[in-house]
């Protein structure tokens, strides 16, 4: 079962690739406070159909390039 994450597109300047920022709340192990963590993933977007600021869902897939291993599943959540 592939991982499915949701995030916001922050860059679409590359050909067939978008950068998606995924936010997560994690609990600090010592202080038990929730902290917002974010990570950027390069995502395959054939034809550059999405714009910056779009909310999307991404799914894990086979490696497409050196650091691109996610594809777009849905947009406009």
PDB file of N, CA and C in Angstrom:
ATOM      1  N   UNK A   1       0.846  -1.191   0.000  1.00  0.00           N
ATOM      2  CA  UNK A   1       0.000   0.000   0.000  1.00  0.00           C
ATOM      3  C   UNK A   1       0.884   1.246   0.000  1.00  0.00           C
ATOM      4  N   UNK A   2       0.770   2.116  -1.010  1.00  0.00           N
ATOM      5  CA  UNK A   2       1.619   3.306  -1.067  1.00  0.00           C
ATOM      6  C   UNK A   2       1.186   4.365  -0.058  1.00  0.00           C
ATOM      7  N   UNK A   3       2.164   5.152   0.375  1.00  0.00           N
ATOM      8  CA  UNK A   3       1.858   6.283   1.252  1.00  0.00           C
ATOM      9  C   UNK A   3       1.103   7.334   0.456  1.00  0.00           C
ATOM     10  N   UNK A   4       0.076   7.924   1.060  1.00  0.00           N
ATOM     11  CA  UNK A   4      -0.648   9.028   0.429  1.00  0.00           C
ATOM     12  C   UNK A   4      -0.559  10.220   1.370  1.00  0.00           C
ATOM     13  N   UNK A   5      -0.014  11.320   0.867  1.00  0.00           N
ATOM     14  CA  UNK A   5       0.184  12.532   1.660  1.00  0.00           C
ATOM     15  C   UNK A   5      -0.547  13.689   0.998  1.00  0.00           C
ATOM     16  N   UNK A   6      -0.863  14.707   1.783  1.00  0.00           N
ATOM     17  CA  UNK A   6      -1.487  15.899   1.200  1.00  0.00           C
ATOM     18  C   UNK A   6      -0.642  17.116   1.541  1.00  0.00           C
ATOM     19  N   UNK A   7      -0.575  18.039   0.584  1.00  0.00           N
ATOM     20  CA  UNK A   7       0.241  19.228   0.773  1.00  0.00           C
ATOM     21  C   UNK A   7      -0.110  20.310  -0.222  1.00  0.00           C
ATOM     22  N   UNK A   8       0.780  21.312  -0.290  1.00  0.00           N
ATOM     23  CA  UNK A   8       0.568  22.476  -1.157  1.00  0.00           C
ATOM     24  C   UNK A   8       1.748  22.599  -2.109  1.00  0.00           C
ATOM     25  N   UNK A   9       1.448  22.903  -3.367  1.00  0.00           N
ATOM     26  CA  UNK A   9       2.508  23.085  -4.362  1.00  0.00           C
ATOM     27  C   UNK A   9       3.222  24.412  -4.110  1.00  0.00           C
ATOM     28  N   UNK A  10       4.556  24.350  -3.991  1.00  0.00           N
ATOM     29  CA  UNK A  10       5.341  25.559  -3.735  1.00  0.00           C
ATOM     30  C   UNK A  10       6.201  25.950  -4.930  1.00  0.00           C
ATOM     31  N   UNK A  11       6.397  25.035  -5.892  1.00  0.00           N
ATOM     32  CA  UNK A  11       7.174  25.358  -7.087  1.00  0.00           C
ATOM     33  C   UNK A  11       6.735  24.457  -8.229  1.00  0.00           C
ATOM     34  N   UNK A  12       6.683  25.035  -9.440  1.00  0.00           N
ATOM     35  CA  UNK A  12       6.370  24.248 -10.637  1.00  0.00           C
ATOM     36  C   UNK A  12       7.223  24.698 -11.815  1.00  0.00           C
ATOM     37  N   UNK A  13       8.452  25.109 -11.539  1.00  0.00           N
ATOM     38  CA  UNK A  13       9.314  25.661 -12.582  1.00  0.00           C
ATOM     39  C   UNK A  13      10.036  24.602 -13.403  1.00  0.00           C
ATOM     40  N   UNK A  14      10.088  23.363 -12.914  1.00  0.00           N
ATOM     41  CA  UNK A  14      10.769  22.302 -13.644  1.00  0.00           C
ATOM     42  C   UNK A  14       9.810  21.635 -14.628  1.00  0.00           C
ATOM     43  N   UNK A  15      10.369  20.991 -15.635  1.00  0.00           N
ATOM     44  CA  UNK A  15       9.537  20.296 -16.617  1.00  0.00           C
ATOM     45  C   UNK A  15       9.008  18.997 -16.010  1.00  0.00           C
ATOM     46  N   UNK A  16       7.686  18.817 -16.046  1.00  0.00           N
ATOM     47  CA  UNK A  16       7.004  17.620 -15.541  1.00  0.00           C
ATOM     48  C   UNK A  16       7.260  17.335 -14.062  1.00  0.00           C
ATOM     49  N   UNK A  17       7.647  18.339 -13.290  1.00  0.00           N
ATOM     50  CA  UNK A  17       7.928  18.159 -11.868  1.00  0.00           C
ATOM     51  C   UNK A  17       7.394  19.339 -11.075  1.00  0.00           C
ATOM     52  N   UNK A  18       6.800  19.040  -9.925  1.00  0.00           N
ATOM     53  CA  UNK A  18       6.363  20.082  -8.996  1.00  0.00           C
ATOM     54  C   UNK A  18       6.945  19.755  -7.627  1.00  0.00           C
ATOM     55  N   UNK A  19       7.114  20.779  -6.812  1.00  0.00           N
ATOM     56  CA  UNK A  19       7.585  20.582  -5.448  1.00  0.00           C
ATOM     57  C   UNK A  19       6.398  20.806  -4.516  1.00  0.00           C
ATOM     58  N   UNK A  20       6.114  19.800  -3.689  1.00  0.00           N
ATOM     59  CA  UNK A  20       4.971  19.846  -2.782  1.00  0.00           C
ATOM     60  C   UNK A  20       5.476  19.874  -1.346  1.00  0.00           C
ATOM     61  N   UNK A  21       4.958  20.837  -0.559  1.00  0.00           N
ATOM     62  CA  UNK A  21       5.323  20.952   0.851  1.00  0.00           C
ATOM     63  C   UNK A  21       4.252  20.254   1.679  1.00  0.00           C
ATOM     64  N   UNK A  22       4.675  19.265   2.469  1.00  0.00           N
ATOM     65  CA  UNK A  22       3.766  18.486   3.306  1.00  0.00           C
ATOM     66  C   UNK A  22       4.039  18.834   4.765  1.00  0.00           C
ATOM     67  N   UNK A  23       3.004  19.265   5.481  1.00  0.00           N
ATOM     68  CA  UNK A  23       3.121  19.614   6.894  1.00  0.00           C
ATOM     69  C   UNK A  23       2.622  18.462   7.755  1.00  0.00           C
ATOM     70  N   UNK A  24       3.262  18.295   8.920  1.00  0.00           N
ATOM     71  CA  UNK A  24       2.840  17.257   9.861  1.00  0.00           C
ATOM     72  C   UNK A  24       3.021  17.776  11.281  1.00  0.00           C
ATOM     73  N   UNK A  25       2.132  17.384  12.171  1.00  0.00           N
ATOM     74  CA  UNK A  25       2.267  17.707  13.575  1.00  0.00           C
ATOM     75  C   UNK A  25       2.824  16.483  14.286  1.00  0.00           C
ATOM     76  N   UNK A  26       3.986  16.649  14.931  1.00  0.00           N
ATOM     77  CA  UNK A  26       4.601  15.551  15.669  1.00  0.00           C
ATOM     78  C   UNK A  26       4.737  15.950  17.131  1.00  0.00           C
ATOM     79  N   UNK A  27       4.625  14.989  17.999  1.00  0.00           N
ATOM     80  CA  UNK A  27       4.713  15.241  19.432  1.00  0.00           C
ATOM     81  C   UNK A  27       6.167  15.157  19.879  1.00  0.00           C
ATOM     82  N   UNK A  28       6.625  16.174  20.604  1.00  0.00           N
ATOM     83  CA  UNK A  28       7.982  16.180  21.115  1.00  0.00           C
ATOM     84  C   UNK A  28       8.120  15.076  22.160  1.00  0.00           C
ATOM     85  N   UNK A  29       9.172  14.255  22.064  1.00  0.00           N
ATOM     86  CA  UNK A  29       9.262  13.113  22.970  1.00  0.00           C
ATOM     87  C   UNK A  29       9.418  13.482  24.452  1.00  0.00           C
ATOM     88  N   UNK A  30      10.100  14.572  24.737  1.00  0.00           N
ATOM     89  CA  UNK A  30      10.327  14.946  26.140  1.00  0.00           C
ATOM     90  C   UNK A  30       9.252  15.881  26.679  1.00  0.00           C
ATOM     91  N   UNK A  31       8.902  16.900  25.906  1.00  0.00           N
ATOM     92  CA  UNK A  31       8.009  17.951  26.404  1.00  0.00           C
ATOM     93  C   UNK A  31       6.535  17.733  26.053  1.00  0.00           C
ATOM     94  N   UNK A  32       6.240  16.717  25.251  1.00  0.00           N
ATOM     95  CA  UNK A  32       4.861  16.353  24.906  1.00  0.00           C
ATOM     96  C   UNK A  32       4.082  17.472  24.210  1.00  0.00           C
ATOM     97  N   UNK A  33       4.793  18.399  23.607  1.00  0.00           N
ATOM     98  CA  UNK A  33       4.154  19.498  22.887  1.00  0.00           C
ATOM     99  C   UNK A  33       4.149  19.152  21.393  1.00  0.00           C
ATOM    100  N   UNK A  34       3.066  19.500  20.704  1.00  0.00           N
ATOM    101  CA  UNK A  34       2.992  19.237  19.276  1.00  0.00           C
ATOM    102  C   UNK A  34       3.735  20.318  18.506  1.00  0.00           C
ATOM    103  N   UNK A  35       4.577  19.881  17.568  1.00  0.00           N
ATOM    104  CA  UNK A  35       5.415  20.782  16.778  1.00  0.00           C
ATOM    105  C   UNK A  35       5.073  20.576  15.306  1.00  0.00           C
ATOM    106  N   UNK A  36       5.011  21.661  14.554  1.00  0.00           N
ATOM    107  CA  UNK A  36       4.724  21.579  13.133  1.00  0.00           C
ATOM    108  C   UNK A  36       6.031  21.345  12.377  1.00  0.00           C
ATOM    109  N   UNK A  37       6.075  20.257  11.631  1.00  0.00           N
ATOM    110  CA  UNK A  37       7.236  19.924  10.806  1.00  0.00           C
ATOM    111  C   UNK A  37       6.786  19.902   9.351  1.00  0.00           C
ATOM    112  N   UNK A  38       7.671  20.327   8.457  1.00  0.00           N
ATOM    113  CA  UNK A  38       7.315  20.291   7.038  1.00  0.00           C
ATOM    114  C   UNK A  38       8.462  19.691   6.240  1.00  0.00           C
ATOM    115  N   UNK A  39       8.100  19.077   5.135  1.00  0.00           N
ATOM    116  CA  UNK A  39       9.078  18.466   4.253  1.00  0.00           C
ATOM    117  C   UNK A  39       8.629  18.686   2.819  1.00  0.00           C
ATOM    118  N   UNK A  40       9.597  18.882   1.917  1.00  0.00           N
ATOM    119  CA  UNK A  40       9.281  19.092   0.512  1.00  0.00           C
ATOM    120  C   UNK A  40       9.591  17.834  -0.287  1.00  0.00           C
ATOM    121  N   UNK A  41       8.666  17.486  -1.174  1.00  0.00           N
ATOM    122  CA  UNK A  41       8.831  16.323  -2.033  1.00  0.00           C
ATOM    123  C   UNK A  41       8.736  16.761  -3.483  1.00  0.00           C
ATOM    124  N   UNK A  42       9.600  16.192  -4.339  1.00  0.00           N
ATOM    125  CA  UNK A  42       9.477  16.412  -5.777  1.00  0.00           C
ATOM    126  C   UNK A  42       8.468  15.392  -6.300  1.00  0.00           C
ATOM    127  N   UNK A  43       7.519  15.885  -7.103  1.00  0.00           N
ATOM    128  CA  UNK A  43       6.387  15.086  -7.541  1.00  0.00           C
ATOM    129  C   UNK A  43       6.282  15.130  -9.059  1.00  0.00           C
ATOM    130  N   UNK A  44       5.960  13.985  -9.660  1.00  0.00           N
ATOM    131  CA  UNK A  44       5.774  13.937 -11.109  1.00  0.00           C
ATOM    132  C   UNK A  44       4.428  14.556 -11.482  1.00  0.00           C
ATOM    133  N   UNK A  45       4.478  15.579 -12.329  1.00  0.00           N
ATOM    134  CA  UNK A  45       3.271  16.284 -12.793  1.00  0.00           C
ATOM    135  C   UNK A  45       3.381  16.422 -14.305  1.00  0.00           C
ATOM    136  N   UNK A  46       2.913  15.419 -15.027  1.00  0.00           N
ATOM    137  CA  UNK A  46       3.047  15.410 -16.482  1.00  0.00           C
ATOM    138  C   UNK A  46       2.321  16.601 -17.095  1.00  0.00           C
ATOM    139  N   UNK A  47       3.049  17.406 -17.849  1.00  0.00           N
ATOM    140  CA  UNK A  47       2.467  18.555 -18.529  1.00  0.00           C
ATOM    141  C   UNK A  47       2.339  19.794 -17.664  1.00  0.00           C
ATOM    142  N   UNK A  48       2.867  19.778 -16.464  1.00  0.00           N
ATOM    143  CA  UNK A  48       2.808  20.930 -15.542  1.00  0.00           C
ATOM    144  C   UNK A  48       1.392  21.508 -15.471  1.00  0.00           C
ATOM    145  N   UNK A  49       0.445  20.695 -15.034  1.00  0.00           N
ATOM    146  CA  UNK A  49      -0.947  21.104 -15.013  1.00  0.00           C
ATOM    147  C   UNK A  49      -1.342  21.864 -13.750  1.00  0.00           C
ATOM    148  N   UNK A  50      -0.582  21.774 -12.686  1.00  0.00           N
ATOM    149  CA  UNK A  50      -0.935  22.412 -11.414  1.00  0.00           C
ATOM    150  C   UNK A  50      -0.192  23.728 -11.233  1.00  0.00           C
ATOM    151  N   UNK A  51      -0.791  24.629 -10.440  1.00  0.00           N
ATOM    152  CA  UNK A  51      -0.195  25.939 -10.180  1.00  0.00           C
ATOM    153  C   UNK A  51       0.283  26.025  -8.737  1.00  0.00           C
ATOM    154  N   UNK A  52       1.100  27.013  -8.451  1.00  0.00           N
ATOM    155  CA  UNK A  52       1.578  27.250  -7.093  1.00  0.00           C
ATOM    156  C   UNK A  52       0.389  27.599  -6.207  1.00  0.00           C
ATOM    157  N   UNK A  53       0.343  26.967  -5.020  1.00  0.00           N
ATOM    158  CA  UNK A  53      -0.734  27.219  -4.081  1.00  0.00           C
ATOM    159  C   UNK A  53      -1.846  26.196  -4.124  1.00  0.00           C
ATOM    160  N   UNK A  54      -1.874  25.329  -5.146  1.00  0.00           N
ATOM    161  CA  UNK A  54      -2.904  24.291  -5.230  1.00  0.00           C
ATOM    162  C   UNK A  54      -2.697  23.252  -4.135  1.00  0.00           C
ATOM    163  N   UNK A  55      -3.811  22.817  -3.531  1.00  0.00           N
ATOM    164  CA  UNK A  55      -3.754  21.726  -2.561  1.00  0.00           C
ATOM    165  C   UNK A  55      -3.862  20.415  -3.325  1.00  0.00           C
ATOM    166  N   UNK A  56      -2.954  19.493  -3.057  1.00  0.00           N
ATOM    167  CA  UNK A  56      -2.917  18.236  -3.793  1.00  0.00           C
ATOM    168  C   UNK A  56      -2.681  17.052  -2.850  1.00  0.00           C
ATOM    169  N   UNK A  57      -2.985  15.858  -3.350  1.00  0.00           N
ATOM    170  CA  UNK A  57      -2.620  14.618  -2.686  1.00  0.00           C
ATOM    171  C   UNK A  57      -1.588  13.937  -3.557  1.00  0.00           C
ATOM    172  N   UNK A  58      -0.561  13.363  -2.910  1.00  0.00           N
ATOM    173  CA  UNK A  58       0.493  12.678  -3.643  1.00  0.00           C
ATOM    174  C   UNK A  58       0.604  11.248  -3.134  1.00  0.00           C
ATOM    175  N   UNK A  59       1.038  10.353  -4.015  1.00  0.00           N
ATOM    176  CA  UNK A  59       1.178   8.947  -3.657  1.00  0.00           C
ATOM    177  C   UNK A  59       2.585   8.471  -3.999  1.00  0.00           C
ATOM    178  N   UNK A  60       3.107   7.612  -3.153  1.00  0.00           N
ATOM    179  CA  UNK A  60       4.420   7.040  -3.352  1.00  0.00           C
ATOM    180  C   UNK A  60       4.381   6.071  -4.531  1.00  0.00           C
ATOM    181  N   UNK A  61       5.446   6.045  -5.321  1.00  0.00           N
ATOM    182  CA  UNK A  61       5.515   5.163  -6.484  1.00  0.00           C
ATOM    183  C   UNK A  61       6.966   4.725  -6.687  1.00  0.00           C
ATOM    184  N   UNK A  62       7.194   3.983  -7.741  1.00  0.00           N
ATOM    185  CA  UNK A  62       8.560   3.566  -8.070  1.00  0.00           C
ATOM    186  C   UNK A  62       9.414   4.802  -8.349  1.00  0.00           C
ATOM    187  N   UNK A  63      10.733   4.734  -8.184  1.00  0.00           N
ATOM    188  CA  UNK A  63      11.573   5.898  -8.471  1.00  0.00           C
ATOM    189  C   UNK A  63      11.463   6.321  -9.939  1.00  0.00           C
ATOM    190  N   UNK A  64      11.176   7.606 -10.143  1.00  0.00           N
ATOM    191  CA  UNK A  64      11.064   8.152 -11.495  1.00  0.00           C
ATOM    192  C   UNK A  64      12.381   8.792 -11.901  1.00  0.00           C
ATOM    193  N   UNK A  65      13.076   9.388 -10.935  1.00  0.00           N
ATOM    194  CA  UNK A  65      14.411   9.940 -11.158  1.00  0.00           C
ATOM    195  C   UNK A  65      15.173   9.829  -9.841  1.00  0.00           C
ATOM    196  N   UNK A  66      16.306  10.490  -9.754  1.00  0.00           N
ATOM    197  CA  UNK A  66      17.157  10.376  -8.560  1.00  0.00           C
ATOM    198  C   UNK A  66      16.416  10.718  -7.274  1.00  0.00           C
ATOM    199  N   UNK A  67      15.658  11.817  -7.265  1.00  0.00           N
ATOM    200  CA  UNK A  67      14.940  12.194  -6.042  1.00  0.00           C
ATOM    201  C   UNK A  67      13.452  12.435  -6.273  1.00  0.00           C
ATOM    202  N   UNK A  68      12.881  11.846  -7.300  1.00  0.00           N
ATOM    203  CA  UNK A  68      11.442  11.984  -7.555  1.00  0.00           C
ATOM    204  C   UNK A  68      10.799  10.604  -7.460  1.00  0.00           C
ATOM    205  N   UNK A  69      10.021  10.386  -6.370  1.00  0.00           N
ATOM    206  CA  UNK A  69       9.371   9.093  -6.178  1.00  0.00           C
ATOM    207  C   UNK A  69       7.933   9.238  -5.666  1.00  0.00           C
ATOM    208  N   UNK A  70       7.275  10.325  -6.083  1.00  0.00           N
ATOM    209  CA  UNK A  70       5.858  10.546  -5.790  1.00  0.00           C
ATOM    210  C   UNK A  70       5.160  11.004  -7.070  1.00  0.00           C
ATOM    211  N   UNK A  71       3.870  10.699  -7.174  1.00  0.00           N
ATOM    212  CA  UNK A  71       3.057  11.176  -8.292  1.00  0.00           C
ATOM    213  C   UNK A  71       1.818  11.877  -7.737  1.00  0.00           C
ATOM    214  N   UNK A  72       1.246  12.789  -8.533  1.00  0.00           N
ATOM    215  CA  UNK A  72       0.016  13.477  -8.122  1.00  0.00           C
ATOM    216  C   UNK A  72      -1.168  12.528  -8.245  1.00  0.00           C
ATOM    217  N   UNK A  73      -2.026  12.551  -7.218  1.00  0.00           N
ATOM    218  CA  UNK A  73      -3.219  11.719  -7.228  1.00  0.00           C
ATOM    219  C   UNK A  73      -4.454  12.575  -7.449  1.00  0.00           C
ATOM    220  N   UNK A  74      -4.635  13.583  -6.608  1.00  0.00           N
ATOM    221  CA  UNK A  74      -5.805  14.482  -6.684  1.00  0.00           C
ATOM    222  C   UNK A  74      -5.346  15.904  -6.444  1.00  0.00           C
ATOM    223  N   UNK A  75      -6.150  16.835  -6.965  1.00  0.00           N
ATOM    224  CA  UNK A  75      -5.870  18.247  -6.682  1.00  0.00           C
ATOM    225  C   UNK A  75      -7.174  18.918  -6.240  1.00  0.00           C
ATOM    226  N   UNK A  76      -7.052  20.150  -5.772  1.00  0.00           N
ATOM    227  CA  UNK A  76      -8.195  20.960  -5.312  1.00  0.00           C
ATOM    228  C   UNK A  76      -8.993  20.245  -4.226  1.00  0.00           C
ATOM    229  N   UNK A  77      -8.336  19.988  -3.120  1.00  0.00           N
ATOM    230  CA  UNK A  77      -9.009  19.297  -2.002  1.00  0.00           C
ATOM    231  C   UNK A  77      -9.920  20.218  -1.262  1.00  0.00           C
TER     232      UNK A  77
END
